[in-house]
Amino acid sequence: MDSELSSWFSTMFCFMFFSFTLLFSLFSLLIYVLRLKLWCNCEICQALLTSSWTKEFDNLCDYYTHLLKKSPTGTIHIHVLGNIITANPENVQHILKTRFENYPKGKPFSALLGDLLGRGIFNVDGESWKFQRKMASLELGSVSIRMHALNIVKSEIESRLIPLLSSVSGNKQVVDLQDVFRRFSFDNISRFSFGLDPGCLKLSLPVSEFAEAFDLASKLSAQRALAFSPLVWKVKRVLNLGSEKQLKEAIKMVDEFAQQMIAERREKGFSENNDLLSRFMGTINDDKYLRDIVISFLLAGRDTVASGLTSFFWLLSQNPQVESAIRDELERVMGSTIIRRFNIRVANPDQAPKFAPGLTATVRGGLPILVQERGA
């Protein structure tokens, strides 16, 4: 009798425990769904929910830019996403400078890029960010590494960019200038970061498996943010399906490349090399951490430079009078040899340089890191 009673109490306890657990889980899920605010009747949210914005805009960034231009405050609220988007200079300065420590990237953002960037500077907060920021400032501020970067860029211009453009011009061919600048910047940043020359800008315009894998990994990592819920891409990652399967394969190739470069540096020695990987290896012994840091620099130096140069030359094409003035200035200041370091001295106010103002106009709105996400 006692054993039957004990068994009954045990069964009831288990039943009540699991019932409570299930009900509590359902209640938590309900609260979470209610906080998401899955529906909103405002114009912006309706356009997002129904995808009606795609009728006028090719991508979401253009749509957001349109909304921000219309907003008197330069700020919009996406209720269904629980996000506030701002391009107001005062807000940006407050978030990214004045009260920077109050606005971390947060775990949701770090999770999006975590597989690609790991613990790199663009994906961490707090002490880890401060450490990498300080280390990068010390290294990038040194005269030797600046001269190293200058020599790399000068070599790439002289031996590849100018010959390629001359060849295209001589044959009267059409060239995708953005693709050329992406290859140009990838060659430069790869040599600067790893000490490796992928040769993307050779006359044959070869396909680099590493460059393709890196581009795909960057693209698919960013596309995670477009998912309706983080659960979507997280489930696909667990099941190794669709875009998450492609992302995993692309990151695997990037990892193998980085590990190979680190292993070679350790085997051959790195003390006499000036690339970032070699410089950082002097203070960091964790190979995975090294990989994360250098890959972050690779990401930072690729699309920003390429898009900045593309925008600059696009602006020149829209303003032929400025183009003519810059060409005259190059001839006057540098003579027939264009490839030299700019060192312009203005002796006459009527001969004010046009190159610097043109470049300033290109980057006035900031280089194309389109979104800086922060939590509060």
Protein backbone atom coordinates (compact mmCIF):
# COMPACT_ATOMS: atom_id res chain seq x y z
CA MET A 1 0.00 0.00 0.00
CA ASP A 2 2.76 2.38 0.93
CA SER A 3 4.64 1.64 -2.27
CA GLU A 4 1.51 2.28 -4.38
CA LEU A 5 0.89 5.58 -2.58
CA SER A 6 4.51 6.60 -3.06
CA SER A 7 4.34 5.75 -6.75
CA TRP A 8 1.11 7.76 -7.12
CA PHE A 9 2.64 10.83 -5.45
CA SER A 10 5.74 10.50 -7.64
CA THR A 11 3.61 10.31 -10.78
CA MET A 12 1.50 13.31 -9.74
CA PHE A 13 4.59 15.33 -8.90
CA CYS A 14 6.13 14.64 -12.30
CA PHE A 15 2.87 15.47 -14.04
CA MET A 16 2.46 18.76 -12.16
CA PHE A 17 6.11 19.67 -12.68
CA PHE A 18 6.04 19.11 -16.43
CA SER A 19 2.63 20.79 -16.73
CA PHE A 20 3.94 23.86 -14.91
CA THR A 21 7.07 23.90 -17.08
CA LEU A 22 5.02 23.67 -20.27
CA LEU A 23 2.56 26.37 -19.20
CA PHE A 24 5.37 28.68 -18.10
CA SER A 25 7.17 28.18 -21.43
CA LEU A 26 3.98 28.94 -23.37
CA PHE A 27 3.37 32.03 -21.23
CA SER A 28 6.95 33.24 -21.85
CA LEU A 29 6.53 32.68 -25.58
CA LEU A 30 3.26 34.62 -25.54
CA ILE A 31 4.89 37.56 -23.76
CA TYR A 32 7.76 37.48 -26.27
CA VAL A 33 5.39 37.47 -29.26
CA LEU A 34 3.30 40.29 -27.79
CA ARG A 35 6.42 42.40 -27.28
CA LEU A 36 7.47 41.86 -30.88
CA LYS A 37 4.53 43.92 -32.08
CA LEU A 38 4.02 41.80 -35.19
CA TRP A 39 1.57 44.24 -36.74
CA CYS A 40 1.50 48.01 -37.08
CA ASN A 41 -0.70 50.21 -39.24
CA CYS A 42 1.80 53.04 -39.73
CA GLU A 43 2.96 53.71 -43.30
CA ILE A 44 6.56 52.57 -42.78
CA CYS A 45 5.67 49.28 -41.07
CA GLN A 46 2.97 48.51 -43.62
CA ALA A 47 5.46 49.01 -46.44
CA LEU A 48 7.86 46.57 -44.75
CA LEU A 49 5.22 43.97 -43.89
CA THR A 50 3.69 43.96 -47.38
CA SER A 51 7.02 44.53 -49.21
CA SER A 52 5.40 47.39 -51.12
CA TRP A 53 8.66 49.36 -50.82
CA THR A 54 10.18 47.06 -53.47
CA LYS A 55 8.02 48.72 -56.15
CA GLU A 56 10.11 51.90 -55.96
CA PHE A 57 13.44 50.80 -54.48
CA ASP A 58 15.95 48.12 -55.38
CA ASN A 59 17.16 47.51 -51.84
CA LEU A 60 16.26 48.25 -48.25
CA CYS A 61 19.12 50.71 -47.71
CA ASP A 62 17.79 52.96 -50.48
CA TYR A 63 14.33 52.81 -48.92
CA TYR A 64 15.67 53.72 -45.49
CA THR A 65 17.70 56.56 -47.03
CA HIS A 66 14.52 57.88 -48.66
CA LEU A 67 12.68 57.78 -45.33
CA LEU A 68 15.52 59.49 -43.48
CA LYS A 69 15.63 62.30 -46.06
CA LYS A 70 11.89 62.86 -45.60
CA SER A 71 12.13 62.88 -41.79
CA PRO A 72 12.52 66.39 -40.30
CA THR A 73 14.67 64.96 -37.51
CA GLY A 74 16.66 62.53 -39.66
CA THR A 75 15.33 59.69 -37.52
CA ILE A 76 12.67 56.99 -38.09
CA HIS A 77 11.10 54.32 -35.88
CA ILE A 78 10.46 50.82 -37.26
CA HIS A 79 7.87 49.59 -34.78
CA VAL A 80 7.56 46.00 -36.00
CA LEU A 81 11.33 45.54 -35.74
CA GLY A 82 11.68 47.47 -32.50
CA ASN A 83 14.40 49.59 -34.12
CA ILE A 84 15.19 53.29 -34.34
CA ILE A 85 17.24 54.37 -37.37
CA THR A 86 18.97 57.73 -37.35
CA ALA A 87 21.18 59.74 -39.69
CA ASN A 88 21.01 62.89 -37.57
CA PRO A 89 24.63 64.06 -37.07
CA GLU A 90 23.98 65.04 -33.45
CA ASN A 91 22.49 61.64 -32.66
CA VAL A 92 25.30 59.82 -34.45
CA GLN A 93 27.94 61.82 -32.56
CA HIS A 94 26.14 61.15 -29.25
CA ILE A 95 25.97 57.39 -29.92
CA LEU A 96 29.37 56.78 -31.52
CA LYS A 97 31.46 59.33 -29.62
CA THR A 98 30.03 61.32 -26.72
CA ARG A 99 28.31 58.41 -24.96
CA PHE A 100 29.89 55.54 -26.85
CA GLU A 101 30.07 53.28 -23.79
CA ASN A 102 26.28 53.52 -23.29
CA TYR A 103 25.52 52.00 -26.70
CA PRO A 104 27.12 48.56 -27.10
CA LYS A 105 26.57 46.44 -30.18
CA GLY A 106 24.84 43.87 -28.02
CA LYS A 107 24.43 40.11 -28.34
CA PRO A 108 21.80 40.14 -31.15
CA PHE A 109 24.15 42.06 -33.46
CA SER A 110 27.23 40.05 -32.44
CA ALA A 111 25.37 36.81 -33.18
CA LEU A 112 24.76 37.87 -36.79
CA LEU A 113 28.44 38.28 -37.63
CA GLY A 114 29.88 36.00 -34.97
CA ASP A 115 30.59 33.05 -37.27
CA LEU A 116 32.61 35.25 -39.65
CA LEU A 117 34.18 37.89 -37.39
CA GLY A 118 34.37 35.96 -34.12
CA ARG A 119 35.97 38.20 -31.49
CA GLY A 120 37.17 40.81 -34.00
CA ILE A 121 36.93 44.51 -33.19
CA PHE A 122 33.68 45.03 -35.12
CA ASN A 123 31.89 42.34 -33.16
CA VAL A 124 32.88 42.95 -29.54
CA ASP A 125 32.29 45.50 -26.78
CA GLY A 126 33.96 46.59 -23.57
CA GLU A 127 37.54 45.67 -22.71
CA SER A 128 38.06 43.49 -25.77
CA TRP A 129 37.12 46.40 -28.04
CA LYS A 130 39.37 48.79 -26.11
CA PHE A 131 42.31 46.38 -26.32
CA GLN A 132 42.00 45.94 -30.09
CA ARG A 133 41.39 49.65 -30.63
CA LYS A 134 44.52 50.57 -28.69
CA MET A 135 46.61 47.93 -30.41
CA ALA A 136 45.40 49.00 -33.87
CA SER A 137 46.07 52.68 -33.12
CA LEU A 138 49.63 51.93 -32.04
CA GLU A 139 50.39 49.77 -35.06
CA LEU A 140 48.66 51.87 -37.72
CA GLY A 141 50.18 55.05 -36.33
CA SER A 142 53.77 53.92 -36.77
CA VAL A 143 55.83 55.43 -39.59
CA SER A 144 57.11 52.06 -40.77
CA ILE A 145 53.68 50.54 -41.31
CA ARG A 146 52.43 53.69 -43.05
CA MET A 147 55.35 53.54 -45.44
CA HIS A 148 54.65 49.84 -45.94
CA ALA A 149 51.03 50.62 -46.85
CA LEU A 150 52.13 53.43 -49.19
CA ASN A 151 54.56 51.13 -50.99
CA ILE A 152 51.87 48.48 -51.43
CA VAL A 153 49.35 50.93 -52.90
CA LYS A 154 51.98 52.57 -55.12
CA SER A 155 53.08 49.17 -56.43
CA GLU A 156 49.50 48.09 -57.12
CA ILE A 157 48.77 51.31 -59.03
CA GLU A 158 51.95 51.22 -61.11
CA SER A 159 52.09 47.53 -61.94
CA ARG A 160 48.37 46.69 -62.27
CA LEU A 161 45.76 49.47 -62.10
CA ILE A 162 47.33 51.81 -64.68
CA PRO A 163 48.28 48.99 -67.12
CA LEU A 164 44.77 47.52 -66.87
CA LEU A 165 43.01 50.84 -67.49
CA SER A 166 45.46 51.65 -70.31
CA SER A 167 44.75 48.29 -71.94
CA VAL A 168 40.99 48.79 -71.71
CA SER A 169 41.24 52.36 -73.00
CA GLY A 170 43.48 51.32 -75.90
CA ASN A 171 41.04 48.62 -77.02
CA LYS A 172 38.02 50.85 -76.42
CA GLN A 173 36.47 48.28 -74.08
CA VAL A 174 33.83 48.80 -71.41
CA VAL A 175 34.95 47.96 -67.88
CA ASP A 176 33.05 47.66 -64.61
CA LEU A 177 34.91 50.27 -62.59
CA GLN A 178 33.41 49.11 -59.30
CA ASP A 179 34.69 45.59 -59.93
CA VAL A 180 38.13 46.99 -60.80
CA PHE A 181 38.27 48.98 -57.56
CA ARG A 182 37.06 45.99 -55.53
CA ARG A 183 39.91 43.93 -56.97
CA PHE A 184 42.32 46.81 -56.37
CA SER A 185 41.29 47.20 -52.74
CA PHE A 186 41.27 43.44 -52.08
CA ASP A 187 44.82 43.07 -53.40
CA ASN A 188 45.97 45.98 -51.23
CA ILE A 189 44.25 44.95 -48.02
CA SER A 190 45.29 41.29 -48.42
CA ARG A 191 48.94 42.26 -48.84
CA PHE A 192 48.65 44.72 -45.95
CA SER A 193 46.83 42.30 -43.62
CA PHE A 194 48.34 38.91 -44.45
CA GLY A 195 51.35 39.69 -46.63
CA LEU A 196 49.68 37.68 -49.39
CA ASP A 197 49.07 38.89 -52.95
CA PRO A 198 45.88 37.32 -54.41
CA GLY A 199 46.55 38.99 -57.80
CA CYS A 200 42.91 39.92 -58.41
CA LEU A 201 43.87 42.94 -60.54
CA LYS A 202 46.10 41.18 -63.04
CA LEU A 203 45.30 41.91 -66.71
CA SER A 204 43.41 38.63 -67.04
CA LEU A 205 41.21 39.59 -64.04
CA PRO A 206 41.48 36.11 -62.50
CA VAL A 207 38.94 34.67 -60.06
CA SER A 208 40.26 34.33 -56.51
CA GLU A 209 38.63 31.53 -54.54
CA PHE A 210 39.50 33.25 -51.29
CA ALA A 211 38.00 36.57 -52.45
CA GLU A 212 34.81 34.84 -53.58
CA ALA A 213 34.52 32.91 -50.30
CA PHE A 214 35.11 36.09 -48.29
CA ASP A 215 32.52 38.04 -50.30
CA LEU A 216 29.94 35.27 -49.96
CA ALA A 217 30.54 34.94 -46.22
CA SER A 218 30.17 38.72 -45.76
CA LYS A 219 27.00 38.84 -47.84
CA LEU A 220 25.26 35.88 -46.18
CA SER A 221 26.23 37.05 -42.69
CA ALA A 222 24.67 40.44 -43.37
CA GLN A 223 21.54 38.85 -44.86
CA ARG A 224 20.81 37.23 -41.51
CA ALA A 225 19.59 40.64 -40.35
CA LEU A 226 16.83 40.56 -43.00
CA ALA A 227 15.23 37.46 -41.49
CA PHE A 228 11.84 38.00 -39.85
CA SER A 229 13.20 36.50 -36.63
CA PRO A 230 16.67 35.35 -35.52
CA LEU A 231 15.10 31.94 -34.98
CA VAL A 232 14.83 31.53 -38.77
CA TRP A 233 18.55 31.61 -39.53
CA LYS A 234 19.45 29.88 -36.25
CA VAL A 235 17.24 26.89 -37.12
CA LYS A 236 18.69 26.81 -40.64
CA ARG A 237 22.18 26.85 -39.15
CA VAL A 238 21.40 23.93 -36.83
CA LEU A 239 19.89 21.95 -39.70
CA ASN A 240 22.64 23.08 -42.12
CA LEU A 241 20.16 24.22 -44.76
CA GLY A 242 20.09 26.79 -47.58
CA SER A 243 22.06 30.00 -47.06
CA GLU A 244 23.43 28.80 -43.73
CA LYS A 245 24.98 25.79 -45.43
CA GLN A 246 26.60 28.09 -48.01
CA LEU A 247 27.80 30.39 -45.24
CA LYS A 248 29.34 27.51 -43.33
CA GLU A 249 31.25 26.35 -46.41
CA ALA A 250 32.45 29.89 -47.24
CA ILE A 251 33.65 30.53 -43.67
CA LYS A 252 35.41 27.16 -43.66
CA MET A 253 37.43 28.25 -46.70
CA VAL A 254 38.26 31.61 -45.08
CA ASP A 255 39.31 29.83 -41.87
CA GLU A 256 41.54 27.37 -43.73
CA PHE A 257 43.25 30.22 -45.56
CA ALA A 258 43.81 32.20 -42.35
CA GLN A 259 45.09 29.16 -40.46
CA GLN A 260 47.49 28.36 -43.29
CA MET A 261 48.88 31.91 -43.29
CA ILE A 262 49.32 31.92 -39.49
CA ALA A 263 51.03 28.51 -39.54
CA GLU A 264 53.43 29.66 -42.28
CA ARG A 265 54.28 32.82 -40.34
CA ARG A 266 55.04 30.86 -37.19
CA GLU A 267 57.19 28.40 -39.13
CA LYS A 268 59.17 30.94 -41.16
CA GLY A 269 59.26 33.74 -38.59
CA PHE A 270 57.44 37.05 -38.53
CA SER A 271 59.69 39.54 -36.76
CA GLU A 272 60.95 41.16 -39.98
CA ASN A 273 57.57 41.39 -41.76
CA ASN A 274 55.42 44.52 -41.73
CA ASP A 275 51.99 43.07 -42.51
CA LEU A 276 49.36 43.32 -39.76
CA LEU A 277 49.33 39.58 -39.07
CA SER A 278 53.06 39.56 -38.36
CA ARG A 279 52.84 42.68 -36.22
CA PHE A 280 50.01 41.29 -34.11
CA MET A 281 51.68 37.90 -33.71
CA GLY A 282 54.31 39.59 -31.58
CA THR A 283 51.77 40.24 -28.82
CA ILE A 284 49.02 37.62 -29.38
CA ASN A 285 49.57 33.87 -29.12
CA ASP A 286 45.96 32.75 -29.65
CA ASP A 287 45.71 31.75 -33.34
CA LYS A 288 41.89 31.93 -33.38
CA TYR A 289 41.98 35.44 -31.90
CA LEU A 290 44.59 36.45 -34.49
CA ARG A 291 42.35 35.14 -37.24
CA ASP A 292 39.38 37.15 -35.95
CA ILE A 293 41.35 40.39 -35.69
CA VAL A 294 42.92 40.21 -39.15
CA ILE A 295 39.68 39.13 -40.86
CA SER A 296 38.00 42.19 -39.32
CA PHE A 297 40.67 44.45 -40.85
CA LEU A 298 40.19 42.68 -44.16
CA LEU A 299 36.46 43.43 -44.00
CA ALA A 300 37.09 47.06 -43.04
CA GLY A 301 39.57 47.78 -45.82
CA ARG A 302 37.86 46.09 -48.73
CA ASP A 303 34.44 47.57 -49.48
CA THR A 304 35.07 50.96 -47.87
CA VAL A 305 37.98 51.77 -50.18
CA ALA A 306 36.33 50.25 -53.25
CA SER A 307 33.02 52.04 -52.74
CA GLY A 308 34.73 55.30 -51.84
CA LEU A 309 36.77 55.26 -55.06
CA THR A 310 33.74 54.24 -57.12
CA SER A 311 31.68 57.08 -55.63
CA PHE A 312 34.49 59.55 -56.26
CA PHE A 313 34.77 58.69 -59.95
CA TRP A 314 30.99 58.60 -60.29
CA LEU A 315 30.86 62.14 -58.91
CA LEU A 316 33.53 63.16 -61.41
CA SER A 317 31.46 61.72 -64.25
CA GLN A 318 28.51 63.85 -63.10
CA ASN A 319 30.64 67.00 -62.83
CA PRO A 320 32.83 67.27 -65.97
CA GLN A 321 34.02 70.75 -65.01
CA VAL A 322 35.62 69.36 -61.84
CA GLU A 323 37.12 66.49 -63.82
CA SER A 324 38.75 68.93 -66.23
CA ALA A 325 40.06 71.05 -63.37
CA ILE A 326 41.62 68.01 -61.68
CA ARG A 327 43.25 66.86 -64.93
CA ASP A 328 44.73 70.33 -65.43
CA GLU A 329 45.93 70.35 -61.84
CA LEU A 330 47.64 66.97 -62.24
CA GLU A 331 49.49 68.21 -65.31
CA ARG A 332 50.45 71.48 -63.63
CA VAL A 333 51.59 70.04 -60.30
CA MET A 334 52.92 66.65 -61.28
CA GLY A 335 53.76 66.94 -64.91
CA SER A 336 53.25 63.91 -67.12
CA THR A 337 53.94 61.37 -64.35
CA ILE A 338 50.67 60.97 -62.48
CA ILE A 339 51.82 58.30 -60.05
CA ARG A 340 53.53 60.24 -57.30
CA ARG A 341 52.64 61.04 -53.77
CA PHE A 342 50.40 64.12 -53.60
CA ASN A 343 52.28 67.07 -52.17
CA ILE A 344 50.45 70.12 -53.53
CA ARG A 345 51.64 73.62 -52.71
CA VAL A 346 49.24 76.41 -53.68
CA ALA A 347 51.21 79.54 -54.53
CA ASN A 348 48.31 81.35 -56.17
CA PRO A 349 44.78 81.50 -54.67
CA ASP A 350 43.41 81.38 -58.22
CA GLN A 351 44.97 77.95 -58.63
CA ALA A 352 43.34 76.30 -55.62
CA PRO A 353 43.51 72.48 -55.77
CA LYS A 354 40.43 70.60 -56.93
CA PHE A 355 41.44 67.07 -55.94
CA ALA A 356 41.08 67.45 -52.17
CA PRO A 357 37.64 69.14 -52.30
CA GLY A 358 36.44 66.47 -54.75
CA LEU A 359 37.58 63.68 -52.47
CA THR A 360 36.08 65.46 -49.46
CA ALA A 361 32.73 65.62 -51.24
CA THR A 362 32.90 61.86 -51.73
CA VAL A 363 33.47 60.98 -48.09
CA ARG A 364 31.53 63.83 -46.48
CA GLY A 365 28.67 61.49 -45.66
CA GLY A 366 31.04 58.83 -44.37
CA LEU A 367 32.56 55.82 -46.09
CA PRO A 368 30.05 53.11 -46.89
CA ILE A 369 29.71 51.26 -43.61
CA LEU A 370 25.99 51.63 -44.20
CA VAL A 371 24.72 50.61 -40.78
CA GLN A 372 26.21 50.94 -37.31
CA GLU A 373 23.91 49.03 -34.98
CA ARG A 374 23.87 49.85 -31.27
CA GLY A 375 21.73 48.87 -28.29
CA ALA A 376 20.77 51.02 -25.36
